[in-house]
PDB file of N, CA and C in Angstrom:
ATOM      1  N   MET A   1     -18.857 -10.238  -9.488  1.00  0.00           N
ATOM      2  CA  MET A   1     -17.437 -10.233  -9.796  1.00  0.00           C
ATOM      3  C   MET A   1     -17.056  -8.952 -10.543  1.00  0.00           C
ATOM      4  N   ILE A   2     -15.807  -8.612 -10.439  1.00  0.00           N
ATOM      5  CA  ILE A   2     -15.270  -7.430 -11.116  1.00  0.00           C
ATOM      6  C   ILE A   2     -14.624  -7.879 -12.417  1.00  0.00           C
ATOM      7  N   HIS A   3     -14.844  -7.119 -13.479  1.00  0.00           N
ATOM      8  CA  HIS A   3     -14.286  -7.471 -14.777  1.00  0.00           C
ATOM      9  C   HIS A   3     -12.756  -7.459 -14.719  1.00  0.00           C
ATOM     10  N   ARG A   4     -12.166  -8.389 -15.461  1.00  0.00           N
ATOM     11  CA  ARG A   4     -10.722  -8.566 -15.452  1.00  0.00           C
ATOM     12  C   ARG A   4      -9.953  -7.321 -15.912  1.00  0.00           C
ATOM     13  N   ARG A   5     -10.582  -6.470 -16.707  1.00  0.00           N
ATOM     14  CA  ARG A   5      -9.867  -5.273 -17.187  1.00  0.00           C
ATOM     15  C   ARG A   5      -9.538  -4.307 -16.049  1.00  0.00           C
ATOM     16  N   PHE A   6     -10.197  -4.471 -14.906  1.00  0.00           N
ATOM     17  CA  PHE A   6      -9.921  -3.631 -13.748  1.00  0.00           C
ATOM     18  C   PHE A   6      -8.935  -4.273 -12.775  1.00  0.00           C
ATOM     19  N   ALA A   7      -8.282  -5.343 -13.191  1.00  0.00           N
ATOM     20  CA  ALA A   7      -7.381  -6.090 -12.303  1.00  0.00           C
ATOM     21  C   ALA A   7      -6.248  -5.214 -11.770  1.00  0.00           C
ATOM     22  N   ASN A   8      -5.650  -4.375 -12.609  1.00  0.00           N
ATOM     23  CA  ASN A   8      -4.541  -3.534 -12.150  1.00  0.00           C
ATOM     24  C   ASN A   8      -4.992  -2.520 -11.098  1.00  0.00           C
ATOM     25  N   VAL A   9      -6.160  -1.960 -11.280  1.00  0.00           N
ATOM     26  CA  VAL A   9      -6.680  -0.995 -10.315  1.00  0.00           C
ATOM     27  C   VAL A   9      -7.039  -1.707  -9.008  1.00  0.00           C
ATOM     28  N   LEU A  10      -7.657  -2.880  -9.110  1.00  0.00           N
ATOM     29  CA  LEU A  10      -7.998  -3.649  -7.919  1.00  0.00           C
ATOM     30  C   LEU A  10      -6.737  -4.077  -7.168  1.00  0.00           C
ATOM     31  N   PHE A  11      -5.722  -4.495  -7.909  1.00  0.00           N
ATOM     32  CA  PHE A  11      -4.433  -4.843  -7.304  1.00  0.00           C
ATOM     33  C   PHE A  11      -3.879  -3.650  -6.533  1.00  0.00           C
ATOM     34  N   ALA A  12      -3.864  -2.478  -7.155  1.00  0.00           N
ATOM     35  CA  ALA A  12      -3.343  -1.270  -6.509  1.00  0.00           C
ATOM     36  C   ALA A  12      -4.168  -0.907  -5.278  1.00  0.00           C
ATOM     37  N   LEU A  13      -5.475  -1.046  -5.365  1.00  0.00           N
ATOM     38  CA  LEU A  13      -6.351  -0.732  -4.243  1.00  0.00           C
ATOM     39  C   LEU A  13      -6.070  -1.645  -3.047  1.00  0.00           C
ATOM     40  N   ILE A  14      -5.987  -2.938  -3.295  1.00  0.00           N
ATOM     41  CA  ILE A  14      -5.768  -3.892  -2.206  1.00  0.00           C
ATOM     42  C   ILE A  14      -4.354  -3.769  -1.644  1.00  0.00           C
ATOM     43  N   LEU A  15      -3.353  -3.730  -2.506  1.00  0.00           N
ATOM     44  CA  LEU A  15      -1.969  -3.631  -2.035  1.00  0.00           C
ATOM     45  C   LEU A  15      -1.741  -2.339  -1.260  1.00  0.00           C
ATOM     46  N   SER A  16      -2.206  -1.223  -1.794  1.00  0.00           N
ATOM     47  CA  SER A  16      -1.986   0.052  -1.116  1.00  0.00           C
ATOM     48  C   SER A  16      -2.698   0.097   0.229  1.00  0.00           C
ATOM     49  N   SER A  17      -3.879  -0.488   0.309  1.00  0.00           N
ATOM     50  CA  SER A  17      -4.583  -0.472   1.594  1.00  0.00           C
ATOM     51  C   SER A  17      -3.851  -1.307   2.633  1.00  0.00           C
ATOM     52  N   MET A  18      -3.368  -2.470   2.246  1.00  0.00           N
ATOM     53  CA  MET A  18      -2.679  -3.350   3.195  1.00  0.00           C
ATOM     54  C   MET A  18      -1.336  -2.774   3.636  1.00  0.00           C
ATOM     55  N   VAL A  19      -0.544  -2.311   2.696  1.00  0.00           N
ATOM     56  CA  VAL A  19       0.788  -1.797   3.029  1.00  0.00           C
ATOM     57  C   VAL A  19       0.681  -0.493   3.824  1.00  0.00           C
ATOM     58  N   SER A  20      -0.207   0.404   3.412  1.00  0.00           N
ATOM     59  CA  SER A  20      -0.330   1.665   4.144  1.00  0.00           C
ATOM     60  C   SER A  20      -0.877   1.448   5.550  1.00  0.00           C
ATOM     61  N   LEU A  21      -1.771   0.485   5.745  1.00  0.00           N
ATOM     62  CA  LEU A  21      -2.250   0.177   7.090  1.00  0.00           C
ATOM     63  C   LEU A  21      -1.115  -0.370   7.947  1.00  0.00           C
ATOM     64  N   PHE A  22      -0.345  -1.289   7.397  1.00  0.00           N
ATOM     65  CA  PHE A  22       0.783  -1.858   8.130  1.00  0.00           C
ATOM     66  C   PHE A  22       1.785  -0.770   8.524  1.00  0.00           C
ATOM     67  N   ILE A  23       2.158   0.065   7.570  1.00  0.00           N
ATOM     68  CA  ILE A  23       3.135   1.124   7.833  1.00  0.00           C
ATOM     69  C   ILE A  23       2.574   2.142   8.830  1.00  0.00           C
ATOM     70  N   SER A  24       1.302   2.493   8.705  1.00  0.00           N
ATOM     71  CA  SER A  24       0.700   3.432   9.655  1.00  0.00           C
ATOM     72  C   SER A  24       0.754   2.892  11.078  1.00  0.00           C
ATOM     73  N   CYS A  25       0.484   1.603  11.241  1.00  0.00           N
ATOM     74  CA  CYS A  25       0.558   0.987  12.574  1.00  0.00           C
ATOM     75  C   CYS A  25       1.991   1.002  13.105  1.00  0.00           C
ATOM     76  N   VAL A  26       2.941   0.670  12.263  1.00  0.00           N
ATOM     77  CA  VAL A  26       4.343   0.649  12.690  1.00  0.00           C
ATOM     78  C   VAL A  26       4.819   2.048  13.071  1.00  0.00           C
ATOM     79  N   VAL A  27       4.510   3.031  12.253  1.00  0.00           N
ATOM     80  CA  VAL A  27       4.960   4.393  12.532  1.00  0.00           C
ATOM     81  C   VAL A  27       4.274   4.948  13.786  1.00  0.00           C
ATOM     82  N   THR A  28       2.993   4.669  13.935  1.00  0.00           N
ATOM     83  CA  THR A  28       2.295   5.103  15.156  1.00  0.00           C
ATOM     84  C   THR A  28       2.919   4.454  16.382  1.00  0.00           C
ATOM     85  N   TRP A  29       3.188   3.182  16.299  1.00  0.00           N
ATOM     86  CA  TRP A  29       3.820   2.469  17.410  1.00  0.00           C
ATOM     87  C   TRP A  29       5.199   3.038  17.735  1.00  0.00           C
ATOM     88  N   ARG A  30       6.016   3.281  16.691  1.00  0.00           N
ATOM     89  CA  ARG A  30       7.369   3.810  16.911  1.00  0.00           C
ATOM     90  C   ARG A  30       7.330   5.237  17.472  1.00  0.00           C
ATOM     91  N   THR A  31       6.349   6.016  17.057  1.00  0.00           N
ATOM     92  CA  THR A  31       6.260   7.404  17.495  1.00  0.00           C
ATOM     93  C   THR A  31       5.668   7.533  18.901  1.00  0.00           C
ATOM     94  N   LEU A  32       4.587   6.817  19.152  1.00  0.00           N
ATOM     95  CA  LEU A  32       3.848   7.005  20.406  1.00  0.00           C
ATOM     96  C   LEU A  32       3.904   5.814  21.359  1.00  0.00           C
ATOM     97  N   GLY A  33       4.255   4.656  20.834  1.00  0.00           N
ATOM     98  CA  GLY A  33       4.142   3.436  21.624  1.00  0.00           C
ATOM     99  C   GLY A  33       2.705   2.947  21.595  1.00  0.00           C
ATOM    100  N   ILE A  34       2.452   1.881  22.327  1.00  0.00           N
ATOM    101  CA  ILE A  34       1.084   1.365  22.412  1.00  0.00           C
ATOM    102  C   ILE A  34       0.372   2.171  23.503  1.00  0.00           C
ATOM    103  N   VAL A  35      -0.326   3.198  23.074  1.00  0.00           N
ATOM    104  CA  VAL A  35      -0.998   4.113  23.993  1.00  0.00           C
ATOM    105  C   VAL A  35      -2.510   3.913  23.889  1.00  0.00           C
ATOM    106  N   GLU A  36      -3.215   4.511  24.822  1.00  0.00           N
ATOM    107  CA  GLU A  36      -4.672   4.487  24.743  1.00  0.00           C
ATOM    108  C   GLU A  36      -5.094   5.179  23.445  1.00  0.00           C
ATOM    109  N   GLY A  37      -5.983   4.573  22.713  1.00  0.00           N
ATOM    110  CA  GLY A  37      -6.433   5.127  21.441  1.00  0.00           C
ATOM    111  C   GLY A  37      -5.524   4.785  20.270  1.00  0.00           C
ATOM    112  N   PHE A  38      -4.619   3.827  20.477  1.00  0.00           N
ATOM    113  CA  PHE A  38      -3.650   3.457  19.439  1.00  0.00           C
ATOM    114  C   PHE A  38      -4.341   3.078  18.125  1.00  0.00           C
ATOM    115  N   VAL A  39      -5.378   2.263  18.209  1.00  0.00           N
ATOM    116  CA  VAL A  39      -6.061   1.798  16.992  1.00  0.00           C
ATOM    117  C   VAL A  39      -6.660   2.985  16.236  1.00  0.00           C
ATOM    118  N   GLY A  40      -7.313   3.877  16.953  1.00  0.00           N
ATOM    119  CA  GLY A  40      -7.897   5.051  16.309  1.00  0.00           C
ATOM    120  C   GLY A  40      -6.859   5.956  15.676  1.00  0.00           C
ATOM    121  N   LEU A  41      -5.751   6.149  16.371  1.00  0.00           N
ATOM    122  CA  LEU A  41      -4.663   6.968  15.821  1.00  0.00           C
ATOM    123  C   LEU A  41      -4.078   6.329  14.568  1.00  0.00           C
ATOM    124  N   SER A  42      -3.882   5.022  14.623  1.00  0.00           N
ATOM    125  CA  SER A  42      -3.342   4.306  13.466  1.00  0.00           C
ATOM    126  C   SER A  42      -4.289   4.376  12.283  1.00  0.00           C
ATOM    127  N   LEU A  43      -5.581   4.189  12.548  1.00  0.00           N
ATOM    128  CA  LEU A  43      -6.564   4.250  11.460  1.00  0.00           C
ATOM    129  C   LEU A  43      -6.665   5.650  10.875  1.00  0.00           C
ATOM    130  N   SER A  44      -6.544   6.661  11.711  1.00  0.00           N
ATOM    131  CA  SER A  44      -6.567   8.036  11.222  1.00  0.00           C
ATOM    132  C   SER A  44      -5.376   8.306  10.309  1.00  0.00           C
ATOM    133  N   ALA A  45      -4.198   7.853  10.736  1.00  0.00           N
ATOM    134  CA  ALA A  45      -2.995   8.013   9.902  1.00  0.00           C
ATOM    135  C   ALA A  45      -3.144   7.236   8.603  1.00  0.00           C
ATOM    136  N   TRP A  46      -3.738   6.043   8.699  1.00  0.00           N
ATOM    137  CA  TRP A  46      -3.929   5.203   7.509  1.00  0.00           C
ATOM    138  C   TRP A  46      -4.858   5.878   6.500  1.00  0.00           C
ATOM    139  N   LEU A  47      -5.952   6.458   6.976  1.00  0.00           N
ATOM    140  CA  LEU A  47      -6.877   7.122   6.059  1.00  0.00           C
ATOM    141  C   LEU A  47      -6.223   8.299   5.337  1.00  0.00           C
ATOM    142  N   ALA A  48      -5.286   8.953   5.988  1.00  0.00           N
ATOM    143  CA  ALA A  48      -4.562  10.049   5.344  1.00  0.00           C
ATOM    144  C   ALA A  48      -3.540   9.523   4.340  1.00  0.00           C
ATOM    145  N   ALA A  49      -2.937   8.380   4.645  1.00  0.00           N
ATOM    146  CA  ALA A  49      -1.864   7.835   3.809  1.00  0.00           C
ATOM    147  C   ALA A  49      -2.376   7.016   2.629  1.00  0.00           C
ATOM    148  N   TRP A  50      -3.529   6.386   2.769  1.00  0.00           N
ATOM    149  CA  TRP A  50      -3.997   5.456   1.747  1.00  0.00           C
ATOM    150  C   TRP A  50      -4.149   6.073   0.356  1.00  0.00           C
ATOM    151  N   PRO A  51      -4.750   7.252   0.198  1.00  0.00           N
ATOM    152  CA  PRO A  51      -4.849   7.814  -1.159  1.00  0.00           C
ATOM    153  C   PRO A  51      -3.480   8.009  -1.817  1.00  0.00           C
ATOM    154  N   ALA A  52      -2.506   8.467  -1.049  1.00  0.00           N
ATOM    155  CA  ALA A  52      -1.158   8.646  -1.610  1.00  0.00           C
ATOM    156  C   ALA A  52      -0.554   7.299  -1.989  1.00  0.00           C
ATOM    157  N   ALA A  53      -0.742   6.300  -1.143  1.00  0.00           N
ATOM    158  CA  ALA A  53      -0.212   4.963  -1.432  1.00  0.00           C
ATOM    159  C   ALA A  53      -0.890   4.380  -2.670  1.00  0.00           C
ATOM    160  N   PHE A  54      -2.188   4.584  -2.812  1.00  0.00           N
ATOM    161  CA  PHE A  54      -2.922   4.080  -3.970  1.00  0.00           C
ATOM    162  C   PHE A  54      -2.393   4.692  -5.260  1.00  0.00           C
ATOM    163  N   LEU A  55      -2.244   6.005  -5.264  1.00  0.00           N
ATOM    164  CA  LEU A  55      -1.693   6.663  -6.456  1.00  0.00           C
ATOM    165  C   LEU A  55      -0.263   6.214  -6.734  1.00  0.00           C
ATOM    166  N   GLY A  56       0.512   6.061  -5.659  1.00  0.00           N
ATOM    167  CA  GLY A  56       1.890   5.597  -5.827  1.00  0.00           C
ATOM    168  C   GLY A  56       1.960   4.226  -6.468  1.00  0.00           C
ATOM    169  N   VAL A  57       1.121   3.308  -6.011  1.00  0.00           N
ATOM    170  CA  VAL A  57       1.119   1.958  -6.593  1.00  0.00           C
ATOM    171  C   VAL A  57       0.647   2.020  -8.043  1.00  0.00           C
ATOM    172  N   LEU A  58      -0.395   2.775  -8.321  1.00  0.00           N
ATOM    173  CA  LEU A  58      -0.885   2.883  -9.701  1.00  0.00           C
ATOM    174  C   LEU A  58       0.199   3.412 -10.638  1.00  0.00           C
ATOM    175  N   ILE A  59       0.934   4.408 -10.182  1.00  0.00           N
ATOM    176  CA  ILE A  59       1.944   5.046 -11.027  1.00  0.00           C
ATOM    177  C   ILE A  59       3.224   4.220 -11.106  1.00  0.00           C
ATOM    178  N   LEU A  60       3.648   3.641  -9.985  1.00  0.00           N
ATOM    179  CA  LEU A  60       4.952   2.975  -9.935  1.00  0.00           C
ATOM    180  C   LEU A  60       4.937   1.494 -10.303  1.00  0.00           C
ATOM    181  N   ALA A  61       3.803   0.826 -10.204  1.00  0.00           N
ATOM    182  CA  ALA A  61       3.760  -0.615 -10.499  1.00  0.00           C
ATOM    183  C   ALA A  61       4.255  -0.953 -11.912  1.00  0.00           C
ATOM    184  N   PRO A  62       3.852  -0.224 -12.956  1.00  0.00           N
ATOM    185  CA  PRO A  62       4.372  -0.552 -14.293  1.00  0.00           C
ATOM    186  C   PRO A  62       5.905  -0.397 -14.385  1.00  0.00           C
ATOM    187  N   LEU A  63       6.435   0.630 -13.743  1.00  0.00           N
ATOM    188  CA  LEU A  63       7.884   0.829 -13.737  1.00  0.00           C
ATOM    189  C   LEU A  63       8.571  -0.319 -13.010  1.00  0.00           C
ATOM    190  N   VAL A  64       8.047  -0.702 -11.875  1.00  0.00           N
ATOM    191  CA  VAL A  64       8.640  -1.800 -11.100  1.00  0.00           C
ATOM    192  C   VAL A  64       8.573  -3.106 -11.895  1.00  0.00           C
ATOM    193  N   ARG A  65       7.466  -3.344 -12.596  1.00  0.00           N
ATOM    194  CA  ARG A  65       7.361  -4.559 -13.431  1.00  0.00           C
ATOM    195  C   ARG A  65       8.440  -4.571 -14.515  1.00  0.00           C
ATOM    196  N   ARG A  66       8.692  -3.414 -15.132  1.00  0.00           N
ATOM    197  CA  ARG A  66       9.742  -3.343 -16.164  1.00  0.00           C
ATOM    198  C   ARG A  66      11.120  -3.579 -15.560  1.00  0.00           C
ATOM    199  N   ILE A  67      11.379  -3.005 -14.393  1.00  0.00           N
ATOM    200  CA  ILE A  67      12.675  -3.200 -13.744  1.00  0.00           C
ATOM    201  C   ILE A  67      12.872  -4.671 -13.389  1.00  0.00           C
ATOM    202  N   VAL A  68      11.835  -5.288 -12.828  1.00  0.00           N
ATOM    203  CA  VAL A  68      11.930  -6.715 -12.473  1.00  0.00           C
ATOM    204  C   VAL A  68      12.135  -7.549 -13.731  1.00  0.00           C
ATOM    205  N   GLY A  69      11.445  -7.214 -14.800  1.00  0.00           N
ATOM    206  CA  GLY A  69      11.632  -7.933 -16.064  1.00  0.00           C
ATOM    207  C   GLY A  69      13.048  -7.816 -16.592  1.00  0.00           C
ATOM    208  N   ALA A  70      13.657  -6.656 -16.400  1.00  0.00           N
ATOM    209  CA  ALA A  70      15.029  -6.433 -16.869  1.00  0.00           C
ATOM    210  C   ALA A  70      16.051  -7.165 -15.988  1.00  0.00           C
ATOM    211  N   LEU A  71      15.717  -7.386 -14.738  1.00  0.00           N
ATOM    212  CA  LEU A  71      16.653  -8.012 -13.798  1.00  0.00           C
ATOM    213  C   LEU A  71      16.496  -9.521 -13.693  1.00  0.00           C
ATOM    214  N   THR A  72      15.498 -10.073 -14.349  1.00  0.00           N
ATOM    215  CA  THR A  72      15.263 -11.525 -14.251  1.00  0.00           C
ATOM    216  C   THR A  72      15.282 -12.159 -15.629  1.00  0.00           C
ATOM    217  N   ARG A  73      15.417 -13.470 -15.611  1.00  0.00           N
ATOM    218  CA  ARG A  73      15.386 -14.225 -16.877  1.00  0.00           C
ATOM    219  C   ARG A  73      14.852 -15.629 -16.598  1.00  0.00           C
ATOM    220  N   ASP A  74      14.427 -16.297 -17.666  1.00  0.00           N
ATOM    221  CA  ASP A  74      13.998 -17.683 -17.553  1.00  0.00           C
ATOM    222  C   ASP A  74      15.221 -18.575 -17.422  1.00  0.00           C
ATOM    223  N   CYS A  75      15.134 -19.565 -16.579  1.00  0.00           N
ATOM    224  CA  CYS A  75      16.271 -20.484 -16.398  1.00  0.00           C
ATOM    225  C   CYS A  75      16.151 -21.691 -17.275  1.00  0.00           C
TER     226      CYS A  75
END
């Protein structure tokens, strides 16, 4: 198991990998259509995008949490 103190980094790693893979597939599909080699092209785009997405989630998640906290309240 991974120690709980790494939860934020693990969250960013998993979320960024899933979202960047999804977006890479959508953008590849919209740009090229379902062509021969689609999976490889999508995975190549994903590998390029994932580091940026990971850093983005690490940097922006605390800001987003504060914004959500400011926009919500207990009922």
